[in-house]
N, C-alpha and C. Protein backbone atom coordinates (compact mmCIF):
# COMPACT_ATOMS: atom_id res chain seq x y z
N MET A 1 164.70 168.69 36.99
CA MET A 1 164.65 167.52 36.30
C MET A 1 165.27 166.15 37.25
N ARG A 2 165.93 167.08 38.33
CA ARG A 2 166.47 166.18 39.53
C ARG A 2 165.22 165.86 40.47
N ASN A 3 164.13 167.04 41.05
CA ASN A 3 163.42 166.41 41.70
C ASN A 3 162.39 165.54 41.16
N THR A 4 162.54 165.74 39.68
CA THR A 4 161.18 164.62 39.12
C THR A 4 161.76 162.93 39.22
N ALA A 5 163.42 162.96 39.12
CA ALA A 5 163.66 161.36 39.41
C ALA A 5 163.85 161.32 40.73
N ARG A 6 163.69 162.01 41.25
CA ARG A 6 163.27 161.45 43.08
C ARG A 6 162.07 160.92 42.97
N TRP A 7 161.21 161.64 42.66
CA TRP A 7 159.78 161.75 42.65
C TRP A 7 159.33 160.25 42.66
N ALA A 8 160.33 159.68 40.98
CA ALA A 8 159.50 158.53 40.49
C ALA A 8 159.89 157.64 41.36
N ALA A 9 161.11 157.77 41.78
CA ALA A 9 161.60 156.61 43.11
C ALA A 9 161.04 156.69 43.68
N THR A 10 160.63 157.45 44.33
CA THR A 10 159.65 158.15 45.77
C THR A 10 158.43 156.93 45.43
N LEU A 11 157.99 157.38 44.17
CA LEU A 11 156.29 156.88 44.43
C LEU A 11 156.94 155.26 44.17
N GLY A 12 158.02 154.82 43.25
CA GLY A 12 158.32 153.50 43.18
C GLY A 12 158.56 152.56 44.34
N LEU A 13 158.54 153.49 45.11
CA LEU A 13 159.38 152.72 46.47
C LEU A 13 157.94 152.22 47.55
N THR A 14 156.97 153.29 47.44
CA THR A 14 155.65 153.19 48.00
C THR A 14 155.01 152.52 47.52
N ALA A 15 154.58 152.19 46.19
CA ALA A 15 154.01 151.00 45.37
C ALA A 15 154.63 149.70 45.57
N ALA A 16 155.94 149.74 45.92
CA ALA A 16 156.41 148.33 46.52
C ALA A 16 155.77 147.97 48.09
N ALA A 17 155.84 149.11 48.65
CA ALA A 17 155.97 149.20 50.21
C ALA A 17 154.28 148.75 50.65
N VAL A 18 153.45 149.26 49.62
CA VAL A 18 151.84 148.87 49.77
C VAL A 18 151.31 147.96 49.27
N CYS A 19 152.28 147.36 48.21
CA CYS A 19 151.51 146.40 47.16
C CYS A 19 152.24 145.76 47.39
N GLY A 20 153.11 145.21 47.87
CA GLY A 20 154.25 144.32 47.72
C GLY A 20 155.04 143.94 46.66
N PRO A 21 156.15 142.60 47.28
CA PRO A 21 157.42 142.92 45.66
C PRO A 21 156.47 142.76 44.33
N LEU A 22 155.39 142.13 44.27
CA LEU A 22 154.76 142.00 43.15
C LEU A 22 154.35 143.09 42.26
N ALA A 23 154.35 143.94 42.96
CA ALA A 23 154.01 145.64 42.13
C ALA A 23 155.09 146.10 41.25
N THR A 24 156.63 145.37 41.35
CA THR A 24 157.57 145.83 40.36
C THR A 24 157.97 144.93 39.54
N ALA A 25 157.59 143.73 40.17
CA ALA A 25 157.72 142.66 39.12
C ALA A 25 157.63 142.62 37.88
N ALA A 26 158.29 142.52 36.60
CA ALA A 26 157.76 142.34 35.29
C ALA A 26 156.53 141.35 35.06
N PRO A 27 155.76 141.38 33.69
CA PRO A 27 154.69 140.17 34.03
C PRO A 27 155.53 139.28 33.78
N ALA A 28 154.59 138.18 33.70
CA ALA A 28 154.60 136.50 33.69
C ALA A 28 154.44 137.00 31.91
N ALA A 29 155.36 135.66 31.19
CA ALA A 29 154.91 135.55 29.87
C ALA A 29 154.03 134.58 29.87
N PRO A 30 153.10 135.14 28.33
CA PRO A 30 152.19 134.05 28.40
C PRO A 30 153.03 132.56 28.32
N GLY A 31 151.64 131.68 29.02
CA GLY A 31 152.28 129.89 28.43
C GLY A 31 152.24 130.07 27.27
N PRO A 32 152.84 128.49 26.82
CA PRO A 32 152.50 128.03 25.53
C PRO A 32 151.16 127.83 24.64
N ALA A 33 150.51 127.95 23.43
CA ALA A 33 149.53 128.19 22.66
C ALA A 33 149.02 126.55 22.71
N PRO A 34 147.38 126.80 23.46
CA PRO A 34 146.71 124.93 23.58
C PRO A 34 147.74 124.64 21.62
N ALA A 35 147.72 122.86 21.72
CA ALA A 35 147.77 122.24 20.58
C ALA A 35 146.61 122.21 20.03
N SER A 36 145.72 122.64 20.41
CA SER A 36 144.33 122.01 19.53
C SER A 36 143.60 122.91 20.21
N LEU A 37 142.37 123.24 19.08
CA LEU A 37 140.95 124.01 19.66
C LEU A 37 140.05 122.94 19.88
N TYR A 38 140.36 121.53 19.53
CA TYR A 38 139.27 120.30 19.70
C TYR A 38 139.28 119.71 21.19
N ALA A 39 138.02 119.68 21.68
CA ALA A 39 138.51 118.82 23.10
C ALA A 39 138.91 117.61 23.11
N PRO A 40 139.75 116.96 23.83
CA PRO A 40 140.17 115.78 23.33
C PRO A 40 139.25 114.57 24.17
N SER A 41 139.64 113.69 23.78
CA SER A 41 139.24 112.17 23.78
C SER A 41 140.34 111.38 24.06
N ALA A 42 140.58 110.94 25.01
CA ALA A 42 141.81 110.10 25.52
C ALA A 42 140.80 109.39 26.85
N LEU A 43 141.25 108.09 26.19
CA LEU A 43 140.58 106.87 27.52
C LEU A 43 141.37 105.77 28.14
N VAL A 44 141.80 105.30 29.11
CA VAL A 44 142.34 103.88 29.33
C VAL A 44 141.12 102.84 29.32
N LEU A 45 140.78 101.64 29.16
CA LEU A 45 140.60 100.74 28.88
C LEU A 45 140.98 99.64 29.43
N THR A 46 140.21 99.09 30.29
CA THR A 46 140.51 97.80 30.86
C THR A 46 139.78 96.69 30.82
N VAL A 47 140.39 95.49 30.78
CA VAL A 47 139.26 93.87 31.20
C VAL A 47 140.15 93.31 31.73
N ALA A 48 138.95 92.19 32.79
CA ALA A 48 139.62 91.81 33.89
C ALA A 48 138.28 90.58 33.59
N HIS A 49 138.56 89.45 34.05
CA HIS A 49 137.57 88.56 34.92
C HIS A 49 137.06 88.52 35.66
N GLY A 50 135.80 88.46 36.37
CA GLY A 50 134.88 89.13 37.70
C GLY A 50 133.90 89.54 37.27
N GLU A 51 133.17 89.55 38.17
CA GLU A 51 131.78 90.82 38.05
C GLU A 51 131.68 91.19 38.39
N SER A 52 132.86 92.07 39.40
CA SER A 52 133.09 93.77 39.38
C SER A 52 134.34 93.96 39.27
N ALA A 53 134.64 95.70 38.62
CA ALA A 53 135.91 96.26 38.60
C ALA A 53 136.69 95.97 40.09
N ALA A 54 135.89 96.42 40.89
CA ALA A 54 136.08 96.60 42.44
C ALA A 54 137.10 95.33 42.81
N LEU A 55 136.22 94.12 42.22
CA LEU A 55 136.75 92.43 42.77
C LEU A 55 137.84 92.20 41.84
N ALA A 56 138.30 92.26 40.74
CA ALA A 56 139.04 91.60 39.38
C ALA A 56 140.15 92.63 39.42
N ALA A 57 141.21 91.94 39.03
CA ALA A 57 142.31 92.50 39.00
C ALA A 57 142.05 93.02 37.08
N PRO A 58 142.72 93.97 36.71
CA PRO A 58 143.10 94.03 35.15
C PRO A 58 144.01 93.13 34.68
N GLU A 59 143.51 92.17 33.55
CA GLU A 59 144.16 91.28 32.92
C GLU A 59 144.78 92.57 31.84
N ARG A 60 144.38 92.78 30.97
CA ARG A 60 144.73 93.77 30.17
C ARG A 60 144.50 95.37 30.01
N ALA A 61 145.01 96.52 29.83
CA ALA A 61 145.05 97.28 29.46
C ALA A 61 145.50 98.15 28.25
N VAL A 62 144.60 99.05 27.57
CA VAL A 62 145.02 99.91 26.42
C VAL A 62 144.75 101.43 26.34
N THR A 63 145.34 102.33 25.79
CA THR A 63 145.29 103.43 26.04
C THR A 63 144.71 103.57 24.05
N LEU A 64 143.72 104.83 24.13
CA LEU A 64 142.76 105.04 22.79
C LEU A 64 142.65 106.66 23.07
N VAL A 65 143.60 107.40 22.15
CA VAL A 65 143.42 108.58 21.81
C VAL A 65 142.93 109.03 20.55
N CYS A 66 141.51 109.62 20.20
CA CYS A 66 141.02 109.43 19.37
C CYS A 66 141.26 111.13 18.90
N ALA A 67 141.29 112.27 19.53
CA ALA A 67 141.57 113.84 19.30
C ALA A 67 142.35 114.21 20.37
N PRO A 68 143.02 115.09 20.45
CA PRO A 68 143.15 115.97 19.10
C PRO A 68 143.98 115.26 18.05
N GLY A 69 143.67 115.84 16.93
CA GLY A 69 144.56 115.49 15.67
C GLY A 69 144.44 114.45 14.65
N ALA A 70 144.30 114.53 13.21
CA ALA A 70 144.05 113.39 12.49
C ALA A 70 143.68 112.13 12.39
N GLY A 71 144.73 111.68 13.51
CA GLY A 71 143.98 109.87 13.54
C GLY A 71 144.23 109.54 14.88
N ALA A 72 144.13 108.52 14.86
CA ALA A 72 143.96 107.71 15.81
C ALA A 72 145.61 107.39 16.52
N SER A 73 145.20 107.11 17.85
CA SER A 73 146.53 106.26 18.55
C SER A 73 146.51 106.15 19.80
N GLY A 74 147.69 105.42 20.66
CA GLY A 74 147.57 105.20 21.76
C GLY A 74 147.87 103.31 21.83
N THR A 75 147.68 102.94 22.48
CA THR A 75 148.28 101.53 22.48
C THR A 75 147.49 100.24 22.06
N HIS A 76 145.95 100.83 22.17
CA HIS A 76 145.03 100.10 21.13
C HIS A 76 145.20 99.31 20.11
N PRO A 77 145.11 98.19 19.68
CA PRO A 77 145.84 97.30 18.37
C PRO A 77 144.85 98.01 17.34
N ALA A 78 143.77 97.95 17.39
CA ALA A 78 142.47 98.75 16.23
C ALA A 78 142.23 100.36 16.78
N ALA A 79 142.96 101.39 16.66
CA ALA A 79 142.76 102.28 17.55
C ALA A 79 142.21 103.15 16.23
N GLY A 80 142.20 103.18 15.31
CA GLY A 80 141.57 103.76 14.23
C GLY A 80 140.12 103.18 14.07
N GLU A 81 140.06 101.85 14.06
CA GLU A 81 138.11 101.05 13.96
C GLU A 81 137.41 101.38 15.27
N ALA A 82 138.09 101.40 16.60
CA ALA A 82 137.33 101.65 17.86
C ALA A 82 137.09 103.12 17.84
N CYS A 83 137.85 104.19 17.39
CA CYS A 83 137.80 105.76 17.18
C CYS A 83 136.62 105.78 16.08
N ALA A 84 136.67 104.92 15.57
CA ALA A 84 135.23 105.59 14.39
C ALA A 84 133.91 104.94 15.04
N GLU A 85 134.24 103.37 15.93
CA GLU A 85 132.85 102.91 16.39
C GLU A 85 132.22 104.10 17.20
N LEU A 86 133.32 104.27 18.20
CA LEU A 86 132.69 105.61 19.49
C LEU A 86 132.31 106.72 18.62
N ARG A 87 132.53 107.41 17.68
CA ARG A 87 132.17 108.51 16.94
C ARG A 87 130.71 108.13 16.72
N ALA A 88 130.73 106.59 15.97
CA ALA A 88 129.30 106.57 15.12
C ALA A 88 128.07 106.77 16.55
N ALA A 89 128.39 106.26 17.96
CA ALA A 89 128.02 105.94 19.14
C ALA A 89 127.96 107.24 19.93
N GLN A 90 128.29 107.93 19.33
CA GLN A 90 128.44 109.74 19.79
C GLN A 90 129.01 109.48 21.81
N GLY A 91 130.08 108.23 21.31
CA GLY A 91 130.84 107.92 22.88
C GLY A 91 129.68 107.39 24.06
N ASP A 92 128.91 106.94 23.49
CA ASP A 92 127.40 106.05 24.71
C ASP A 92 128.08 104.50 24.33
N PHE A 93 129.10 103.91 25.25
CA PHE A 93 129.37 102.71 25.26
C PHE A 93 127.96 101.79 25.01
N ASP A 94 127.32 102.10 25.45
CA ASP A 94 126.04 101.36 26.05
C ASP A 94 125.38 101.10 24.40
N ALA A 95 125.49 101.70 23.24
CA ALA A 95 124.87 102.42 22.07
C ALA A 95 126.02 101.27 21.34
N LEU A 96 126.71 100.95 21.70
CA LEU A 96 127.95 100.38 20.56
C LEU A 96 127.25 98.98 19.36
N ALA A 97 127.19 99.08 18.39
CA ALA A 97 127.06 98.32 17.38
C ALA A 97 127.35 96.65 18.22
N SER A 98 126.36 95.85 17.83
CA SER A 98 126.57 94.36 17.92
C SER A 98 126.91 93.77 16.52
N ALA A 99 128.03 92.45 17.02
CA ALA A 99 127.85 91.63 15.58
C ALA A 99 126.96 90.87 15.73
N ASP A 100 126.28 91.02 14.77
CA ASP A 100 124.94 89.84 14.18
C ASP A 100 125.20 88.50 14.13
N ASN A 101 126.75 87.98 13.46
CA ASN A 101 126.54 87.00 13.10
C ASN A 101 127.47 86.42 14.22
N MET A 102 128.03 86.70 15.39
CA MET A 102 128.35 85.92 16.20
C MET A 102 127.05 84.90 17.48
N MET A 103 128.17 83.58 17.41
CA MET A 103 127.17 83.01 18.66
C MET A 103 127.78 82.45 19.52
N CYS A 104 127.40 82.64 20.80
CA CYS A 104 127.90 82.62 21.92
C CYS A 104 127.13 81.72 22.90
N THR A 105 128.07 80.69 23.59
CA THR A 105 127.29 79.84 24.46
C THR A 105 126.86 80.61 25.59
N ARG A 106 126.14 79.33 26.45
CA ARG A 106 125.20 79.94 27.44
C ARG A 106 126.37 80.32 28.99
N GLU A 107 127.46 79.62 29.28
CA GLU A 107 128.30 79.98 30.11
C GLU A 107 128.46 81.20 30.75
N TYR A 108 128.53 80.96 32.07
CA TYR A 108 128.63 82.19 32.77
C TYR A 108 130.49 82.07 33.22
N ASP A 109 131.06 82.94 33.08
CA ASP A 109 132.46 83.39 33.13
C ASP A 109 132.38 84.92 32.85
N PRO A 110 132.03 85.53 34.06
CA PRO A 110 131.85 87.36 33.96
C PRO A 110 132.98 87.96 33.60
N VAL A 111 133.02 88.81 32.74
CA VAL A 111 134.14 89.49 32.20
C VAL A 111 133.75 90.82 31.99
N VAL A 112 134.46 92.10 32.87
CA VAL A 112 134.48 93.61 33.13
C VAL A 112 135.30 94.14 32.48
N VAL A 113 134.55 95.28 31.65
CA VAL A 113 135.42 96.20 30.90
C VAL A 113 135.32 97.66 32.06
N THR A 114 136.43 98.21 31.86
CA THR A 114 136.29 99.80 32.45
C THR A 114 136.80 100.31 31.41
N VAL A 115 136.29 101.70 31.37
CA VAL A 115 136.79 103.38 30.63
C VAL A 115 136.44 104.20 31.61
N ASP A 116 137.96 104.96 31.41
CA ASP A 116 138.38 106.25 32.43
C ASP A 116 139.19 106.85 31.40
N GLY A 117 138.43 108.17 31.51
CA GLY A 117 139.11 108.84 30.46
C GLY A 117 138.01 110.40 30.44
N VAL A 118 138.38 110.46 29.35
CA VAL A 118 137.62 111.78 28.66
C VAL A 118 137.50 111.64 27.14
N TRP A 119 136.02 111.79 26.98
CA TRP A 119 135.38 111.81 25.53
C TRP A 119 135.04 113.39 25.12
N ARG A 120 135.56 113.73 24.18
CA ARG A 120 135.20 115.03 23.87
C ARG A 120 135.26 115.92 24.54
N GLY A 121 136.30 116.12 26.22
CA GLY A 121 135.91 117.10 26.44
C GLY A 121 135.45 116.69 27.76
N GLN A 122 134.59 115.84 28.12
CA GLN A 122 133.52 115.61 29.01
C GLN A 122 134.18 114.16 29.47
N ARG A 123 134.68 114.70 31.16
CA ARG A 123 134.96 112.95 32.06
C ARG A 123 134.03 112.15 31.50
N VAL A 124 134.58 110.84 31.61
CA VAL A 124 133.94 109.20 31.27
C VAL A 124 134.15 108.37 32.15
N SER A 125 133.41 107.35 32.95
CA SER A 125 133.87 106.48 33.54
C SER A 125 132.65 105.38 33.00
N TYR A 126 133.15 104.21 33.17
CA TYR A 126 132.03 103.49 32.77
C TYR A 126 132.75 101.58 32.73
N GLU A 127 131.56 101.43 33.47
CA GLU A 127 131.44 99.83 33.44
C GLU A 127 131.14 98.79 33.06
N ARG A 128 131.20 97.98 32.82
CA ARG A 128 130.23 97.27 32.37
C ARG A 128 130.32 95.57 32.23
N THR A 129 129.98 94.68 32.60
CA THR A 129 129.90 93.22 33.19
C THR A 129 129.20 92.27 31.99
N TYR A 130 130.02 91.36 31.60
CA TYR A 130 129.77 90.63 30.30
C TYR A 130 129.32 89.30 31.10
N SER A 131 128.79 88.62 30.48
CA SER A 131 128.42 87.05 31.04
C SER A 131 129.22 86.11 30.62
N ASN A 132 130.22 86.26 29.03
CA ASN A 132 131.33 85.63 28.91
C ASN A 132 132.02 86.40 27.95
N GLU A 133 133.59 85.98 27.39
CA GLU A 133 134.06 86.63 26.80
C GLU A 133 133.79 86.86 25.59
N CYS A 134 132.89 85.91 24.60
CA CYS A 134 132.20 85.98 23.93
C CYS A 134 131.43 86.76 23.65
N VAL A 135 130.37 87.10 24.57
CA VAL A 135 129.52 88.41 24.49
C VAL A 135 130.29 89.78 24.93
N LYS A 136 131.12 89.60 25.32
CA LYS A 136 132.19 90.58 25.23
C LYS A 136 132.37 91.42 23.82
N SER A 137 132.59 90.23 23.40
CA SER A 137 133.68 90.19 21.93
C SER A 137 132.65 91.02 20.92
N SER A 138 131.16 90.21 21.12
CA SER A 138 129.78 90.76 20.12
C SER A 138 129.47 91.95 20.26
N LEU A 139 130.05 93.10 21.16
CA LEU A 139 129.37 94.10 21.92
C LEU A 139 130.99 95.01 21.25
N GLY A 140 130.25 95.83 20.45
CA GLY A 140 131.66 96.94 20.48
C GLY A 140 132.78 96.14 20.02
N ALA A 141 132.99 95.43 18.46
CA ALA A 141 133.67 94.60 18.20
C ALA A 141 135.39 94.87 18.00
N SER A 142 135.20 96.37 17.52
CA SER A 142 136.81 97.01 17.49
C SER A 142 137.28 97.94 18.97
N VAL A 143 136.74 98.13 19.92
CA VAL A 143 136.81 98.91 20.95
C VAL A 143 136.96 98.21 22.29
N PHE A 144 136.25 97.53 22.54
CA PHE A 144 137.05 96.34 23.02
C PHE A 144 137.26 95.04 22.71
N ALA A 145 137.93 95.27 21.59
CA ALA A 145 139.18 93.83 20.98
C ALA A 145 140.42 94.46 21.71
N PHE A 146 140.79 93.74 22.13
CA PHE A 146 142.38 93.65 22.27
C PHE A 146 142.65 92.75 24.03
């Protein structure tokens, strides 16, 4: 019995010398379980006056979180409606429905919107310049209404 204990101690020391100090360390505890099995949808939207995002400073910015979870959240004032519009357009900002009853002037005062984040687990980066605020508001009525 005495030799068995010495033999086990020798094997432990040999393993530590050959494999390094981690060979005798206890395994790490598993991390926390994911909060949801659904892919996240979280976006940052900005609005600025100018022809491109590179040349214009954002005037307004909001966050929009559509998943995971049952409802929409973030700082967007119409988060529920905006998430519903994006779901209907399958996350395609160019496919957002337009308001048919809006009449806009033809003045040129460019407004640029940007979207960065994740939609259903996929990275999203979007930029579009509208000819004026009215035209911007006529497309995607809730998404860009902030």
